[in-house]
Amino acid sequence: MTSLQKHQTKVILQETEGRNTTPAMELAKKIGALRKTSGMSQEQLALALGLSRSAIAAMETGRTSSARKHIPMLARIFQVPSELFVSGMVEKEVSMTLSTDEVDLIGLQLVLL
């Protein structure tokens, strides 16, 4: 996935979150968004998962509850962590070097809180 596709996926996934939908619908929307930003057709995803195209369509519209069992394979296909499908959140360690001023500002902010 290119950085533009990753950005587009992030935007699409953010747009699907926070609305009054069921967890199954959230999962369905994420699968559809990832498939589209990856440039895959439903037919191609079906082939990769060993399913029919209609099964993918049902998965993307939330008409089936079997999507959860395909999460590990979907994560491999789309090259994303499995947690993305379940919680929508992904933990990632980030290391950075802070200047002395930045450290002082963070310390001051923590004191004021």
N, C-alpha and C. Protein backbone atom coordinates (compact mmCIF):
# COMPACT_ATOMS: atom_id res chain seq x y z
N MET A 1 0.85 -1.18 0.00
CA MET A 1 0.00 0.00 0.00
C MET A 1 0.89 1.24 0.00
N THR A 2 0.60 2.18 -0.87
CA THR A 2 1.38 3.41 -0.91
C THR A 2 0.96 4.32 0.24
N SER A 3 1.73 5.37 0.49
CA SER A 3 1.39 6.29 1.58
C SER A 3 0.08 7.01 1.28
N LEU A 4 -0.21 7.29 0.01
CA LEU A 4 -1.48 7.92 -0.35
C LEU A 4 -2.63 6.98 -0.05
N GLN A 5 -2.48 5.70 -0.39
CA GLN A 5 -3.53 4.73 -0.09
C GLN A 5 -3.72 4.59 1.41
N LYS A 6 -2.62 4.61 2.18
CA LYS A 6 -2.74 4.52 3.64
C LYS A 6 -3.49 5.73 4.18
N HIS A 7 -3.19 6.92 3.65
CA HIS A 7 -3.88 8.13 4.08
C HIS A 7 -5.36 8.04 3.71
N GLN A 8 -5.67 7.60 2.50
CA GLN A 8 -7.06 7.46 2.08
C GLN A 8 -7.79 6.45 2.96
N THR A 9 -7.13 5.35 3.29
CA THR A 9 -7.73 4.34 4.15
C THR A 9 -8.02 4.93 5.52
N LYS A 10 -7.07 5.70 6.06
CA LYS A 10 -7.25 6.31 7.37
C LYS A 10 -8.46 7.24 7.36
N VAL A 11 -8.57 8.04 6.32
CA VAL A 11 -9.70 8.97 6.21
C VAL A 11 -11.01 8.21 6.12
N ILE A 12 -11.06 7.19 5.28
CA ILE A 12 -12.29 6.42 5.12
C ILE A 12 -12.65 5.72 6.42
N LEU A 13 -11.68 5.13 7.11
CA LEU A 13 -11.97 4.44 8.36
C LEU A 13 -12.44 5.42 9.42
N GLN A 14 -11.87 6.62 9.46
CA GLN A 14 -12.32 7.62 10.42
C GLN A 14 -13.74 8.04 10.13
N GLU A 15 -14.10 8.12 8.84
CA GLU A 15 -15.46 8.51 8.47
C GLU A 15 -16.48 7.47 8.90
N THR A 16 -16.07 6.20 8.99
CA THR A 16 -17.02 5.15 9.35
C THR A 16 -17.20 5.02 10.85
N GLU A 17 -16.31 5.59 11.63
CA GLU A 17 -16.38 5.44 13.08
C GLU A 17 -17.21 6.54 13.71
N GLY A 18 -17.79 6.23 14.87
CA GLY A 18 -18.47 7.24 15.64
C GLY A 18 -19.93 7.42 15.30
N ARG A 19 -20.43 6.68 14.34
CA ARG A 19 -21.84 6.76 14.01
C ARG A 19 -22.58 5.67 14.77
N ASN A 20 -23.87 5.76 14.84
CA ASN A 20 -24.67 4.77 15.54
C ASN A 20 -24.82 3.52 14.69
N THR A 21 -23.83 2.68 14.73
CA THR A 21 -23.87 1.43 13.98
C THR A 21 -23.44 0.29 14.89
N THR A 22 -23.77 -0.90 14.48
CA THR A 22 -23.40 -2.08 15.25
C THR A 22 -21.93 -2.43 14.98
N PRO A 23 -21.32 -3.22 15.86
CA PRO A 23 -19.94 -3.65 15.61
C PRO A 23 -19.81 -4.40 14.28
N ALA A 24 -20.83 -5.18 13.92
CA ALA A 24 -20.78 -5.91 12.66
C ALA A 24 -20.76 -4.96 11.48
N MET A 25 -21.51 -3.87 11.56
CA MET A 25 -21.52 -2.88 10.48
C MET A 25 -20.19 -2.13 10.42
N GLU A 26 -19.61 -1.84 11.58
CA GLU A 26 -18.29 -1.19 11.60
C GLU A 26 -17.26 -2.07 10.90
N LEU A 27 -17.30 -3.37 11.21
CA LEU A 27 -16.37 -4.31 10.58
C LEU A 27 -16.62 -4.37 9.08
N ALA A 28 -17.87 -4.41 8.68
CA ALA A 28 -18.23 -4.46 7.26
C ALA A 28 -17.68 -3.24 6.52
N LYS A 29 -17.84 -2.07 7.11
CA LYS A 29 -17.36 -0.84 6.48
C LYS A 29 -15.84 -0.82 6.36
N LYS A 30 -15.17 -1.33 7.38
CA LYS A 30 -13.71 -1.37 7.34
C LYS A 30 -13.21 -2.30 6.25
N ILE A 31 -13.86 -3.45 6.11
CA ILE A 31 -13.46 -4.40 5.07
C ILE A 31 -13.64 -3.78 3.69
N GLY A 32 -14.78 -3.15 3.48
CA GLY A 32 -15.05 -2.51 2.19
C GLY A 32 -14.07 -1.38 1.89
N ALA A 33 -13.80 -0.57 2.90
CA ALA A 33 -12.87 0.55 2.71
C ALA A 33 -11.47 0.07 2.40
N LEU A 34 -11.01 -0.93 3.12
CA LEU A 34 -9.66 -1.46 2.87
C LEU A 34 -9.57 -2.10 1.49
N ARG A 35 -10.61 -2.83 1.10
CA ARG A 35 -10.61 -3.46 -0.22
C ARG A 35 -10.53 -2.40 -1.32
N LYS A 36 -11.35 -1.37 -1.19
CA LYS A 36 -11.38 -0.32 -2.22
C LYS A 36 -10.07 0.44 -2.31
N THR A 37 -9.50 0.81 -1.16
CA THR A 37 -8.25 1.57 -1.19
C THR A 37 -7.07 0.71 -1.63
N SER A 38 -7.21 -0.60 -1.50
CA SER A 38 -6.17 -1.50 -1.99
C SER A 38 -6.29 -1.75 -3.49
N GLY A 39 -7.39 -1.25 -4.07
CA GLY A 39 -7.59 -1.42 -5.50
C GLY A 39 -8.06 -2.81 -5.89
N MET A 40 -8.61 -3.53 -4.94
CA MET A 40 -9.08 -4.89 -5.21
C MET A 40 -10.57 -4.88 -5.54
N SER A 41 -10.97 -5.79 -6.39
CA SER A 41 -12.39 -5.99 -6.66
C SER A 41 -12.91 -7.01 -5.63
N GLN A 42 -14.22 -7.09 -5.52
CA GLN A 42 -14.79 -8.11 -4.63
C GLN A 42 -14.38 -9.49 -5.11
N GLU A 43 -14.30 -9.67 -6.41
CA GLU A 43 -13.91 -10.95 -7.00
C GLU A 43 -12.48 -11.32 -6.58
N GLN A 44 -11.57 -10.35 -6.62
CA GLN A 44 -10.18 -10.61 -6.24
C GLN A 44 -10.06 -10.96 -4.76
N LEU A 45 -10.80 -10.23 -3.91
CA LEU A 45 -10.77 -10.53 -2.47
C LEU A 45 -11.38 -11.89 -2.21
N ALA A 46 -12.44 -12.21 -2.93
CA ALA A 46 -13.08 -13.52 -2.77
C ALA A 46 -12.09 -14.63 -3.11
N LEU A 47 -11.35 -14.46 -4.19
CA LEU A 47 -10.35 -15.45 -4.59
C LEU A 47 -9.28 -15.60 -3.53
N ALA A 48 -8.81 -14.49 -2.98
CA ALA A 48 -7.76 -14.53 -1.96
C ALA A 48 -8.23 -15.22 -0.68
N LEU A 49 -9.53 -15.09 -0.37
CA LEU A 49 -10.08 -15.70 0.85
C LEU A 49 -10.68 -17.08 0.61
N GLY A 50 -10.79 -17.47 -0.66
CA GLY A 50 -11.41 -18.75 -0.98
C GLY A 50 -12.92 -18.72 -0.79
N LEU A 51 -13.53 -17.55 -1.08
CA LEU A 51 -14.96 -17.37 -0.93
C LEU A 51 -15.56 -16.95 -2.27
N SER A 52 -16.89 -16.87 -2.31
CA SER A 52 -17.56 -16.37 -3.50
C SER A 52 -17.64 -14.84 -3.45
N ARG A 53 -17.85 -14.21 -4.61
CA ARG A 53 -17.99 -12.77 -4.65
C ARG A 53 -19.21 -12.33 -3.86
N SER A 54 -20.27 -13.12 -3.89
CA SER A 54 -21.47 -12.76 -3.13
C SER A 54 -21.22 -12.84 -1.62
N ALA A 55 -20.32 -13.72 -1.20
CA ALA A 55 -19.97 -13.79 0.23
C ALA A 55 -19.24 -12.51 0.65
N ILE A 56 -18.39 -11.98 -0.22
CA ILE A 56 -17.69 -10.73 0.07
C ILE A 56 -18.69 -9.59 0.12
N ALA A 57 -19.63 -9.56 -0.81
CA ALA A 57 -20.66 -8.52 -0.82
C ALA A 57 -21.46 -8.57 0.48
N ALA A 58 -21.81 -9.76 0.93
CA ALA A 58 -22.56 -9.92 2.19
C ALA A 58 -21.71 -9.46 3.37
N MET A 59 -20.41 -9.76 3.31
CA MET A 59 -19.50 -9.36 4.37
C MET A 59 -19.39 -7.84 4.46
N GLU A 60 -19.34 -7.17 3.30
CA GLU A 60 -19.17 -5.72 3.26
C GLU A 60 -20.45 -4.95 3.58
N THR A 61 -21.56 -5.62 3.56
CA THR A 61 -22.83 -4.95 3.89
C THR A 61 -23.34 -5.37 5.26
N GLY A 62 -22.61 -6.24 5.93
CA GLY A 62 -23.00 -6.66 7.28
C GLY A 62 -24.12 -7.67 7.30
N ARG A 63 -24.38 -8.31 6.18
CA ARG A 63 -25.46 -9.30 6.13
C ARG A 63 -25.02 -10.68 6.59
N THR A 64 -23.78 -10.82 6.99
CA THR A 64 -23.30 -12.10 7.49
C THR A 64 -22.46 -11.88 8.73
N SER A 65 -22.48 -12.85 9.61
CA SER A 65 -21.69 -12.74 10.84
C SER A 65 -20.37 -13.50 10.72
N SER A 66 -20.08 -14.04 9.55
CA SER A 66 -18.87 -14.85 9.39
C SER A 66 -17.61 -14.03 9.15
N ALA A 67 -17.74 -12.72 9.02
CA ALA A 67 -16.57 -11.89 8.72
C ALA A 67 -15.50 -12.00 9.80
N ARG A 68 -15.91 -12.12 11.05
CA ARG A 68 -14.93 -12.16 12.15
C ARG A 68 -13.93 -13.29 12.00
N LYS A 69 -14.38 -14.43 11.51
CA LYS A 69 -13.45 -15.56 11.40
C LYS A 69 -12.40 -15.36 10.31
N HIS A 70 -12.61 -14.38 9.44
CA HIS A 70 -11.67 -14.10 8.36
C HIS A 70 -10.70 -12.96 8.69
N ILE A 71 -10.81 -12.40 9.89
CA ILE A 71 -9.97 -11.26 10.26
C ILE A 71 -8.47 -11.52 10.11
N PRO A 72 -7.94 -12.66 10.60
CA PRO A 72 -6.49 -12.86 10.45
C PRO A 72 -6.03 -12.85 8.98
N MET A 73 -6.81 -13.48 8.11
CA MET A 73 -6.45 -13.51 6.69
C MET A 73 -6.63 -12.14 6.05
N LEU A 74 -7.69 -11.43 6.42
CA LEU A 74 -7.90 -10.07 5.90
C LEU A 74 -6.74 -9.16 6.31
N ALA A 75 -6.27 -9.31 7.54
CA ALA A 75 -5.15 -8.50 8.03
C ALA A 75 -3.90 -8.76 7.18
N ARG A 76 -3.67 -10.02 6.84
CA ARG A 76 -2.49 -10.35 6.01
C ARG A 76 -2.66 -9.78 4.59
N ILE A 77 -3.85 -9.92 4.04
CA ILE A 77 -4.09 -9.44 2.67
C ILE A 77 -3.90 -7.93 2.58
N PHE A 78 -4.46 -7.19 3.55
CA PHE A 78 -4.41 -5.74 3.51
C PHE A 78 -3.18 -5.17 4.22
N GLN A 79 -2.36 -6.04 4.81
CA GLN A 79 -1.13 -5.64 5.50
C GLN A 79 -1.41 -4.63 6.61
N VAL A 80 -2.39 -4.96 7.46
CA VAL A 80 -2.73 -4.14 8.61
C VAL A 80 -2.82 -5.05 9.83
N PRO A 81 -2.69 -4.50 11.04
CA PRO A 81 -2.83 -5.33 12.23
C PRO A 81 -4.28 -5.80 12.41
N SER A 82 -4.45 -6.99 12.95
CA SER A 82 -5.80 -7.54 13.20
C SER A 82 -6.61 -6.63 14.11
N GLU A 83 -5.94 -5.92 15.03
CA GLU A 83 -6.63 -5.05 15.98
C GLU A 83 -7.44 -3.96 15.27
N LEU A 84 -7.01 -3.58 14.08
CA LEU A 84 -7.72 -2.56 13.33
C LEU A 84 -9.17 -2.97 13.07
N PHE A 85 -9.39 -4.24 12.80
CA PHE A 85 -10.74 -4.73 12.51
C PHE A 85 -11.60 -4.80 13.76
N VAL A 86 -10.99 -5.11 14.88
CA VAL A 86 -11.75 -5.31 16.11
C VAL A 86 -12.03 -4.01 16.84
N SER A 87 -10.99 -3.23 17.06
CA SER A 87 -11.16 -2.02 17.87
C SER A 87 -11.08 -0.74 17.06
N GLY A 88 -10.50 -0.81 15.90
CA GLY A 88 -10.30 0.40 15.12
C GLY A 88 -9.06 1.16 15.55
N MET A 89 -8.46 0.69 16.61
CA MET A 89 -7.27 1.34 17.15
C MET A 89 -6.07 0.41 16.97
N VAL A 90 -4.94 1.00 16.70
CA VAL A 90 -3.71 0.24 16.57
C VAL A 90 -2.66 0.92 17.42
N GLU A 91 -2.05 0.13 18.29
CA GLU A 91 -0.97 0.69 19.11
C GLU A 91 0.34 0.55 18.36
N LYS A 92 1.09 1.62 18.39
CA LYS A 92 2.38 1.61 17.72
C LYS A 92 3.36 2.41 18.54
N GLU A 93 4.51 1.83 18.80
CA GLU A 93 5.54 2.54 19.54
C GLU A 93 6.23 3.53 18.62
N VAL A 94 6.39 4.72 19.12
CA VAL A 94 7.06 5.77 18.35
C VAL A 94 8.17 6.33 19.22
N SER A 95 9.35 6.40 18.65
CA SER A 95 10.45 7.00 19.39
C SER A 95 10.79 8.34 18.75
N MET A 96 11.09 9.31 19.58
CA MET A 96 11.46 10.62 19.07
C MET A 96 12.44 11.27 20.04
N THR A 97 13.17 12.21 19.51
CA THR A 97 14.11 12.96 20.32
C THR A 97 13.53 14.34 20.57
N LEU A 98 13.42 14.69 21.84
CA LEU A 98 12.88 15.99 22.22
C LEU A 98 14.00 16.93 22.62
N SER A 99 13.81 18.18 22.28
CA SER A 99 14.78 19.19 22.70
C SER A 99 14.56 19.48 24.18
N THR A 100 15.50 20.16 24.79
CA THR A 100 15.39 20.54 26.20
C THR A 100 14.16 21.40 26.41
N ASP A 101 13.89 22.32 25.50
CA ASP A 101 12.70 23.18 25.60
C ASP A 101 11.41 22.36 25.56
N GLU A 102 11.37 21.38 24.68
CA GLU A 102 10.17 20.54 24.58
C GLU A 102 9.95 19.75 25.86
N VAL A 103 11.02 19.22 26.42
CA VAL A 103 10.92 18.48 27.68
C VAL A 103 10.42 19.40 28.78
N ASP A 104 10.95 20.63 28.83
CA ASP A 104 10.50 21.60 29.84
C ASP A 104 9.03 21.95 29.67
N LEU A 105 8.58 22.13 28.44
CA LEU A 105 7.18 22.44 28.18
C LEU A 105 6.26 21.30 28.61
N ILE A 106 6.66 20.08 28.32
CA ILE A 106 5.85 18.93 28.73
C ILE A 106 5.80 18.85 30.25
N GLY A 107 6.93 19.07 30.90
CA GLY A 107 6.97 19.06 32.36
C GLY A 107 6.07 20.13 32.94
N LEU A 108 6.12 21.33 32.39
CA LEU A 108 5.27 22.42 32.86
C LEU A 108 3.80 22.10 32.66
N GLN A 109 3.46 21.53 31.53
CA GLN A 109 2.07 21.17 31.25
C GLN A 109 1.58 20.12 32.25
N LEU A 110 2.41 19.16 32.56
CA LEU A 110 2.03 18.12 33.52
C LEU A 110 1.80 18.71 34.92
N VAL A 111 2.61 19.68 35.29
CA VAL A 111 2.45 20.35 36.60
C VAL A 111 1.14 21.12 36.64
N LEU A 112 0.80 21.77 35.54
CA LEU A 112 -0.41 22.59 35.50
C LEU A 112 -1.69 21.75 35.47
N LEU A 113 -1.60 20.54 35.03
CA LEU A 113 -2.78 19.66 35.00
C LEU A 113 -3.04 19.16 36.37
